[in-house]
């Protein structure tokens, strides 16, 4: 879990630095979206559509995976200590 948080922090820091550099040169997110033929409203619409599709599927999958994982966790043999 610590490695995951460390990775998230590195990505956030790299994003902050890249954003600051792009902002220094006068490049905005709207300009980049326009370059790809998108608008902020269209991006928001696509994000909402993606979430509307993904959330029910994630929920359904979790209803199967979480109990299986929990049973595997319960019946796993105990680990030996390194003492």
PDB file of N, CA and C in Angstrom:
ATOM      1  N   UNK A   1       0.833  -1.195   0.000  1.00  0.00           N
ATOM      2  CA  UNK A   1       0.000   0.000   0.000  1.00  0.00           C
ATOM      3  C   UNK A   1       0.874   1.254   0.000  1.00  0.00           C
ATOM      4  N   UNK A   2       1.981   1.180   0.710  1.00  0.00           N
ATOM      5  CA  UNK A   2       2.880   2.329   0.764  1.00  0.00           C
ATOM      6  C   UNK A   2       3.457   2.626  -0.615  1.00  0.00           C
ATOM      7  N   UNK A   3       3.791   1.582  -1.363  1.00  0.00           N
ATOM      8  CA  UNK A   3       4.330   1.764  -2.714  1.00  0.00           C
ATOM      9  C   UNK A   3       3.298   2.450  -3.619  1.00  0.00           C
ATOM     10  N   UNK A   4       2.028   2.062  -3.478  1.00  0.00           N
ATOM     11  CA  UNK A   4       0.955   2.667  -4.271  1.00  0.00           C
ATOM     12  C   UNK A   4       0.828   4.154  -3.952  1.00  0.00           C
ATOM     13  N   UNK A   5       0.827   4.510  -2.667  1.00  0.00           N
ATOM     14  CA  UNK A   5       0.733   5.917  -2.275  1.00  0.00           C
ATOM     15  C   UNK A   5       1.940   6.716  -2.761  1.00  0.00           C
ATOM     16  N   UNK A   6       3.117   6.095  -2.716  1.00  0.00           N
ATOM     17  CA  UNK A   6       4.329   6.744  -3.202  1.00  0.00           C
ATOM     18  C   UNK A   6       4.215   7.013  -4.705  1.00  0.00           C
ATOM     19  N   UNK A   7       3.666   6.059  -5.446  1.00  0.00           N
ATOM     20  CA  UNK A   7       3.480   6.232  -6.884  1.00  0.00           C
ATOM     21  C   UNK A   7       2.483   7.340  -7.180  1.00  0.00           C
ATOM     22  N   UNK A   8       1.385   7.387  -6.428  1.00  0.00           N
ATOM     23  CA  UNK A   8       0.393   8.451  -6.602  1.00  0.00           C
ATOM     24  C   UNK A   8       1.024   9.818  -6.336  1.00  0.00           C
ATOM     25  N   UNK A   9       1.854   9.901  -5.307  1.00  0.00           N
ATOM     26  CA  UNK A   9       2.518  11.167  -4.986  1.00  0.00           C
ATOM     27  C   UNK A   9       3.472  11.575  -6.109  1.00  0.00           C
ATOM     28  N   UNK A  10       4.200  10.618  -6.684  1.00  0.00           N
ATOM     29  CA  UNK A  10       5.117  10.933  -7.780  1.00  0.00           C
ATOM     30  C   UNK A  10       4.360  11.424  -9.007  1.00  0.00           C
ATOM     31  N   UNK A  11       3.238  10.777  -9.316  1.00  0.00           N
ATOM     32  CA  UNK A  11       2.439  11.191 -10.472  1.00  0.00           C
ATOM     33  C   UNK A  11       1.870  12.595 -10.232  1.00  0.00           C
ATOM     34  N   UNK A  12       1.398  12.859  -9.020  1.00  0.00           N
ATOM     35  CA  UNK A  12       0.850  14.183  -8.707  1.00  0.00           C
ATOM     36  C   UNK A  12       1.935  15.258  -8.819  1.00  0.00           C
ATOM     37  N   UNK A  13       3.121  14.971  -8.324  1.00  0.00           N
ATOM     38  CA  UNK A  13       4.222  15.937  -8.402  1.00  0.00           C
ATOM     39  C   UNK A  13       4.637  16.172  -9.852  1.00  0.00           C
ATOM     40  N   UNK A  14       4.742  15.114 -10.637  1.00  0.00           N
ATOM     41  CA  UNK A  14       5.109  15.262 -12.046  1.00  0.00           C
ATOM     42  C   UNK A  14       4.037  16.056 -12.795  1.00  0.00           C
ATOM     43  N   UNK A  15       2.781  15.820 -12.478  1.00  0.00           N
ATOM     44  CA  UNK A  15       1.695  16.566 -13.116  1.00  0.00           C
ATOM     45  C   UNK A  15       1.756  18.043 -12.756  1.00  0.00           C
ATOM     46  N   UNK A  16       2.062  18.329 -11.501  1.00  0.00           N
ATOM     47  CA  UNK A  16       2.180  19.716 -11.059  1.00  0.00           C
ATOM     48  C   UNK A  16       3.314  20.425 -11.790  1.00  0.00           C
ATOM     49  N   UNK A  17       4.450  19.765 -11.906  1.00  0.00           N
ATOM     50  CA  UNK A  17       5.595  20.374 -12.594  1.00  0.00           C
ATOM     51  C   UNK A  17       5.274  20.580 -14.073  1.00  0.00           C
ATOM     52  N   UNK A  18       4.704  19.566 -14.717  1.00  0.00           N
ATOM     53  CA  UNK A  18       4.362  19.694 -16.142  1.00  0.00           C
ATOM     54  C   UNK A  18       3.342  20.802 -16.352  1.00  0.00           C
ATOM     55  N   UNK A  19       2.338  20.887 -15.481  1.00  0.00           N
ATOM     56  CA  UNK A  19       1.342  21.944 -15.598  1.00  0.00           C
ATOM     57  C   UNK A  19       1.933  23.320 -15.420  1.00  0.00           C
ATOM     58  N   UNK A  20       2.862  23.441 -14.476  1.00  0.00           N
ATOM     59  CA  UNK A  20       3.514  24.740 -14.262  1.00  0.00           C
ATOM     60  C   UNK A  20       4.351  25.144 -15.479  1.00  0.00           C
ATOM     61  N   UNK A  21       5.040  24.189 -16.063  1.00  0.00           N
ATOM     62  CA  UNK A  21       5.858  24.486 -17.244  1.00  0.00           C
ATOM     63  C   UNK A  21       4.973  24.881 -18.422  1.00  0.00           C
ATOM     64  N   UNK A  22       3.900  24.111 -18.652  1.00  0.00           N
ATOM     65  CA  UNK A  22       2.992  24.439 -19.752  1.00  0.00           C
ATOM     66  C   UNK A  22       2.327  25.796 -19.523  1.00  0.00           C
ATOM     67  N   UNK A  23       1.936  26.084 -18.285  1.00  0.00           N
ATOM     68  CA  UNK A  23       1.343  27.375 -17.964  1.00  0.00           C
ATOM     69  C   UNK A  23       2.306  28.518 -18.202  1.00  0.00           C
ATOM     70  N   UNK A  24       3.579  28.293 -17.920  1.00  0.00           N
ATOM     71  CA  UNK A  24       4.602  29.316 -18.150  1.00  0.00           C
ATOM     72  C   UNK A  24       4.680  29.684 -19.634  1.00  0.00           C
ATOM     73  N   UNK A  25       4.477  28.694 -20.511  1.00  0.00           N
ATOM     74  CA  UNK A  25       4.532  28.947 -21.946  1.00  0.00           C
ATOM     75  C   UNK A  25       3.174  29.354 -22.522  1.00  0.00           C
ATOM     76  N   UNK A  26       2.175  29.550 -21.649  1.00  0.00           N
ATOM     77  CA  UNK A  26       0.874  30.039 -22.093  1.00  0.00           C
ATOM     78  C   UNK A  26      -0.022  28.973 -22.705  1.00  0.00           C
ATOM     79  N   UNK A  27       0.250  27.722 -22.419  1.00  0.00           N
ATOM     80  CA  UNK A  27      -0.570  26.630 -22.949  1.00  0.00           C
ATOM     81  C   UNK A  27      -1.607  26.266 -21.905  1.00  0.00           C
ATOM     82  N   UNK A  28      -2.873  26.247 -22.307  1.00  0.00           N
ATOM     83  CA  UNK A  28      -3.946  25.924 -21.374  1.00  0.00           C
ATOM     84  C   UNK A  28      -4.567  24.577 -21.745  1.00  0.00           C
ATOM     85  N   UNK A  29      -5.348  24.066 -20.824  1.00  0.00           N
ATOM     86  CA  UNK A  29      -6.025  22.787 -21.086  1.00  0.00           C
ATOM     87  C   UNK A  29      -7.049  22.940 -22.209  1.00  0.00           C
ATOM     88  N   UNK A  30      -7.698  24.086 -22.301  1.00  0.00           N
ATOM     89  CA  UNK A  30      -8.663  24.326 -23.377  1.00  0.00           C
ATOM     90  C   UNK A  30      -7.983  24.303 -24.739  1.00  0.00           C
ATOM     91  N   UNK A  31      -6.763  24.830 -24.815  1.00  0.00           N
ATOM     92  CA  UNK A  31      -6.032  24.809 -26.085  1.00  0.00           C
ATOM     93  C   UNK A  31      -5.692  23.370 -26.485  1.00  0.00           C
ATOM     94  N   UNK A  32      -5.312  22.569 -25.524  1.00  0.00           N
ATOM     95  CA  UNK A  32      -4.974  21.170 -25.821  1.00  0.00           C
ATOM     96  C   UNK A  32      -6.234  20.410 -26.240  1.00  0.00           C
ATOM     97  N   UNK A  33      -7.352  20.649 -25.559  1.00  0.00           N
ATOM     98  CA  UNK A  33      -8.604  20.008 -25.944  1.00  0.00           C
ATOM     99  C   UNK A  33      -9.018  20.417 -27.351  1.00  0.00           C
ATOM    100  N   UNK A  34      -8.877  21.702 -27.679  1.00  0.00           N
ATOM    101  CA  UNK A  34      -9.224  22.191 -29.010  1.00  0.00           C
ATOM    102  C   UNK A  34      -8.347  21.532 -30.069  1.00  0.00           C
ATOM    103  N   UNK A  35      -7.099  21.314 -29.746  1.00  0.00           N
ATOM    104  CA  UNK A  35      -6.182  20.644 -30.667  1.00  0.00           C
ATOM    105  C   UNK A  35      -6.692  19.257 -31.026  1.00  0.00           C
ATOM    106  N   UNK A  36      -7.332  18.575 -30.085  1.00  0.00           N
ATOM    107  CA  UNK A  36      -7.878  17.242 -30.319  1.00  0.00           C
ATOM    108  C   UNK A  36      -9.341  17.278 -30.740  1.00  0.00           C
ATOM    109  N   UNK A  37      -9.872  18.477 -30.985  1.00  0.00           N
ATOM    110  CA  UNK A  37     -11.241  18.613 -31.456  1.00  0.00           C
ATOM    111  C   UNK A  37     -12.285  18.390 -30.368  1.00  0.00           C
ATOM    112  N   UNK A  38     -11.943  18.697 -29.138  1.00  0.00           N
ATOM    113  CA  UNK A  38     -12.850  18.496 -28.017  1.00  0.00           C
ATOM    114  C   UNK A  38     -13.162  19.837 -27.364  1.00  0.00           C
ATOM    115  N   UNK A  39     -14.233  19.854 -26.587  1.00  0.00           N
ATOM    116  CA  UNK A  39     -14.554  21.003 -25.752  1.00  0.00           C
ATOM    117  C   UNK A  39     -14.634  20.510 -24.312  1.00  0.00           C
ATOM    118  N   UNK A  40     -14.501  21.392 -23.338  1.00  0.00           N
ATOM    119  CA  UNK A  40     -14.637  20.953 -21.939  1.00  0.00           C
ATOM    120  C   UNK A  40     -16.000  20.304 -21.669  1.00  0.00           C
ATOM    121  N   UNK A  41     -17.044  20.802 -22.318  1.00  0.00           N
ATOM    122  CA  UNK A  41     -18.378  20.238 -22.122  1.00  0.00           C
ATOM    123  C   UNK A  41     -18.457  18.812 -22.668  1.00  0.00           C
ATOM    124  N   UNK A  42     -17.865  18.594 -23.837  1.00  0.00           N
ATOM    125  CA  UNK A  42     -17.863  17.250 -24.446  1.00  0.00           C
ATOM    126  C   UNK A  42     -17.044  16.286 -23.594  1.00  0.00           C
ATOM    127  N   UNK A  43     -15.936  16.750 -23.061  1.00  0.00           N
ATOM    128  CA  UNK A  43     -15.115  15.909 -22.188  1.00  0.00           C
ATOM    129  C   UNK A  43     -15.887  15.528 -20.933  1.00  0.00           C
ATOM    130  N   UNK A  44     -16.627  16.463 -20.387  1.00  0.00           N
ATOM    131  CA  UNK A  44     -17.443  16.178 -19.207  1.00  0.00           C
ATOM    132  C   UNK A  44     -18.537  15.163 -19.545  1.00  0.00           C
ATOM    133  N   UNK A  45     -19.140  15.320 -20.712  1.00  0.00           N
ATOM    134  CA  UNK A  45     -20.184  14.385 -21.141  1.00  0.00           C
ATOM    135  C   UNK A  45     -19.617  12.972 -21.312  1.00  0.00           C
ATOM    136  N   UNK A  46     -18.446  12.869 -21.934  1.00  0.00           N
ATOM    137  CA  UNK A  46     -17.819  11.561 -22.120  1.00  0.00           C
ATOM    138  C   UNK A  46     -17.435  10.931 -20.788  1.00  0.00           C
ATOM    139  N   UNK A  47     -16.973  11.740 -19.854  1.00  0.00           N
ATOM    140  CA  UNK A  47     -16.632  11.241 -18.524  1.00  0.00           C
ATOM    141  C   UNK A  47     -17.867  10.710 -17.811  1.00  0.00           C
ATOM    142  N   UNK A  48     -18.974  11.439 -17.906  1.00  0.00           N
ATOM    143  CA  UNK A  48     -20.216  10.970 -17.286  1.00  0.00           C
ATOM    144  C   UNK A  48     -20.705   9.679 -17.922  1.00  0.00           C
ATOM    145  N   UNK A  49     -20.590   9.560 -19.238  1.00  0.00           N
ATOM    146  CA  UNK A  49     -20.988   8.326 -19.914  1.00  0.00           C
ATOM    147  C   UNK A  49     -20.105   7.154 -19.485  1.00  0.00           C
ATOM    148  N   UNK A  50     -18.804   7.412 -19.346  1.00  0.00           N
ATOM    149  CA  UNK A  50     -17.893   6.346 -18.923  1.00  0.00           C
ATOM    150  C   UNK A  50     -18.219   5.879 -17.506  1.00  0.00           C
ATOM    151  N   UNK A  51     -18.488   6.817 -16.617  1.00  0.00           N
ATOM    152  CA  UNK A  51     -18.842   6.440 -15.247  1.00  0.00           C
ATOM    153  C   UNK A  51     -20.175   5.708 -15.195  1.00  0.00           C
ATOM    154  N   UNK A  52     -21.142   6.142 -16.003  1.00  0.00           N
ATOM    155  CA  UNK A  52     -22.443   5.478 -16.038  1.00  0.00           C
ATOM    156  C   UNK A  52     -22.313   4.042 -16.520  1.00  0.00           C
ATOM    157  N   UNK A  53     -21.341   3.772 -17.388  1.00  0.00           N
ATOM    158  CA  UNK A  53     -21.113   2.415 -17.855  1.00  0.00           C
ATOM    159  C   UNK A  53     -20.289   1.617 -16.849  1.00  0.00           C
ATOM    160  N   UNK A  54     -19.243   2.231 -16.283  1.00  0.00           N
ATOM    161  CA  UNK A  54     -18.284   1.492 -15.470  1.00  0.00           C
ATOM    162  C   UNK A  54     -18.801   1.167 -14.070  1.00  0.00           C
ATOM    163  N   UNK A  55     -19.474   2.085 -13.415  1.00  0.00           N
ATOM    164  CA  UNK A  55     -19.872   1.856 -12.025  1.00  0.00           C
ATOM    165  C   UNK A  55     -20.767   0.635 -11.832  1.00  0.00           C
ATOM    166  N   UNK A  56     -21.799   0.426 -12.650  1.00  0.00           N
ATOM    167  CA  UNK A  56     -22.589  -0.799 -12.455  1.00  0.00           C
ATOM    168  C   UNK A  56     -21.777  -2.075 -12.688  1.00  0.00           C
ATOM    169  N   UNK A  57     -20.856  -2.036 -13.652  1.00  0.00           N
ATOM    170  CA  UNK A  57     -20.037  -3.216 -13.928  1.00  0.00           C
ATOM    171  C   UNK A  57     -19.045  -3.485 -12.801  1.00  0.00           C
ATOM    172  N   UNK A  58     -18.460  -2.448 -12.240  1.00  0.00           N
ATOM    173  CA  UNK A  58     -17.545  -2.613 -11.113  1.00  0.00           C
ATOM    174  C   UNK A  58     -18.300  -3.154  -9.904  1.00  0.00           C
ATOM    175  N   UNK A  59     -19.484  -2.626  -9.666  1.00  0.00           N
ATOM    176  CA  UNK A  59     -20.299  -3.094  -8.540  1.00  0.00           C
ATOM    177  C   UNK A  59     -20.660  -4.564  -8.706  1.00  0.00           C
ATOM    178  N   UNK A  60     -21.095  -4.947  -9.881  1.00  0.00           N
ATOM    179  CA  UNK A  60     -21.457  -6.330 -10.148  1.00  0.00           C
ATOM    180  C   UNK A  60     -20.250  -7.254  -9.986  1.00  0.00           C
ATOM    181  N   UNK A  61     -19.127  -6.856 -10.520  1.00  0.00           N
ATOM    182  CA  UNK A  61     -17.913  -7.668 -10.381  1.00  0.00           C
ATOM    183  C   UNK A  61     -17.470  -7.787  -8.940  1.00  0.00           C
ATOM    184  N   UNK A  62     -17.583  -6.705  -8.183  1.00  0.00           N
ATOM    185  CA  UNK A  62     -17.179  -6.725  -6.774  1.00  0.00           C
ATOM    186  C   UNK A  62     -18.066  -7.657  -5.955  1.00  0.00           C
ATOM    187  N   UNK A  63     -19.331  -7.796  -6.364  1.00  0.00           N
ATOM    188  CA  UNK A  63     -20.231  -8.687  -5.639  1.00  0.00           C
ATOM    189  C   UNK A  63     -19.796 -10.145  -5.774  1.00  0.00           C
ATOM    190  N   UNK A  64     -19.012 -10.456  -6.784  1.00  0.00           N
ATOM    191  CA  UNK A  64     -18.488 -11.810  -6.964  1.00  0.00           C
ATOM    192  C   UNK A  64     -17.064 -11.915  -6.414  1.00  0.00           C
ATOM    193  N   UNK A  65     -16.231 -10.962  -6.751  1.00  0.00           N
ATOM    194  CA  UNK A  65     -14.805 -11.040  -6.427  1.00  0.00           C
ATOM    195  C   UNK A  65     -14.531 -10.873  -4.934  1.00  0.00           C
ATOM    196  N   UNK A  66     -15.175  -9.909  -4.282  1.00  0.00           N
ATOM    197  CA  UNK A  66     -14.887  -9.640  -2.865  1.00  0.00           C
ATOM    198  C   UNK A  66     -15.181 -10.848  -1.978  1.00  0.00           C
ATOM    199  N   UNK A  67     -16.321 -11.524  -2.111  1.00  0.00           N
ATOM    200  CA  UNK A  67     -16.520 -12.715  -1.271  1.00  0.00           C
ATOM    201  C   UNK A  67     -15.507 -13.830  -1.550  1.00  0.00           C
ATOM    202  N   UNK A  68     -15.144 -14.023  -2.823  1.00  0.00           N
ATOM    203  CA  UNK A  68     -14.133 -15.044  -3.146  1.00  0.00           C
ATOM    204  C   UNK A  68     -12.805 -14.678  -2.515  1.00  0.00           C
ATOM    205  N   UNK A  69     -12.403 -13.411  -2.627  1.00  0.00           N
ATOM    206  CA  UNK A  69     -11.154 -12.975  -2.019  1.00  0.00           C
ATOM    207  C   UNK A  69     -11.203 -13.171  -0.502  1.00  0.00           C
ATOM    208  N   UNK A  70     -12.322 -12.824   0.122  1.00  0.00           N
ATOM    209  CA  UNK A  70     -12.449 -12.940   1.565  1.00  0.00           C
ATOM    210  C   UNK A  70     -12.326 -14.394   2.011  1.00  0.00           C
ATOM    211  N   UNK A  71     -12.960 -15.303   1.300  1.00  0.00           N
ATOM    212  CA  UNK A  71     -12.844 -16.725   1.643  1.00  0.00           C
ATOM    213  C   UNK A  71     -11.406 -17.217   1.468  1.00  0.00           C
ATOM    214  N   UNK A  72     -10.767 -16.804   0.391  1.00  0.00           N
ATOM    215  CA  UNK A  72      -9.365 -17.190   0.188  1.00  0.00           C
ATOM    216  C   UNK A  72      -8.481 -16.624   1.293  1.00  0.00           C
ATOM    217  N   UNK A  73      -8.772 -15.409   1.730  1.00  0.00           N
ATOM    218  CA  UNK A  73      -8.015 -14.795   2.817  1.00  0.00           C
ATOM    219  C   UNK A  73      -8.213 -15.551   4.123  1.00  0.00           C
ATOM    220  N   UNK A  74      -9.450 -15.961   4.401  1.00  0.00           N
ATOM    221  CA  UNK A  74      -9.740 -16.679   5.643  1.00  0.00           C
ATOM    222  C   UNK A  74      -9.073 -18.049   5.703  1.00  0.00           C
ATOM    223  N   UNK A  75      -9.045 -18.749   4.586  1.00  0.00           N
ATOM    224  CA  UNK A  75      -8.542 -20.125   4.581  1.00  0.00           C
ATOM    225  C   UNK A  75      -7.088 -20.248   4.138  1.00  0.00           C
ATOM    226  N   UNK A  76      -6.411 -19.125   3.994  1.00  0.00           N
ATOM    227  CA  UNK A  76      -4.998 -19.144   3.648  1.00  0.00           C
ATOM    228  C   UNK A  76      -4.207 -19.662   4.844  1.00  0.00           C
ATOM    229  N   UNK A  77      -3.200 -20.506   4.599  1.00  0.00           N
ATOM    230  CA  UNK A  77      -2.398 -20.969   5.749  1.00  0.00           C
ATOM    231  C   UNK A  77      -1.645 -19.815   6.378  1.00  0.00           C
ATOM    232  N   UNK A  78      -1.428 -19.874   7.686  1.00  0.00           N
ATOM    233  CA  UNK A  78      -0.693 -18.785   8.342  1.00  0.00           C
ATOM    234  C   UNK A  78       0.739 -18.696   7.845  1.00  0.00           C
ATOM    235  N   UNK A  79       1.243 -17.479   7.821  1.00  0.00           N
ATOM    236  CA  UNK A  79       2.617 -17.247   7.394  1.00  0.00           C
ATOM    237  C   UNK A  79       3.574 -17.483   8.543  1.00  0.00           C
ATOM    238  N   UNK A  80       4.749 -17.915   8.218  1.00  0.00           N
ATOM    239  CA  UNK A  80       5.775 -18.105   9.236  1.00  0.00           C
ATOM    240  C   UNK A  80       6.486 -16.780   9.469  1.00  0.00           C
ATOM    241  N   UNK A  81       6.824 -16.527  10.711  1.00  0.00           N
ATOM    242  CA  UNK A  81       7.572 -15.306  10.999  1.00  0.00           C
ATOM    243  C   UNK A  81       9.039 -15.520  10.680  1.00  0.00           C
ATOM    244  N   UNK A  82       9.747 -14.408  10.441  1.00  0.00           N
ATOM    245  CA  UNK A  82      11.167 -14.478  10.094  1.00  0.00           C
ATOM    246  C   UNK A  82      12.067 -14.326  11.300  1.00  0.00           C
ATOM    247  N   UNK A  83      11.562 -14.596  12.489  1.00  0.00           N
ATOM    248  CA  UNK A  83      12.374 -14.443  13.708  1.00  0.00           C
ATOM    249  C   UNK A  83      13.428 -15.477  13.852  1.00  0.00           C
TER     250      UNK A  83
END
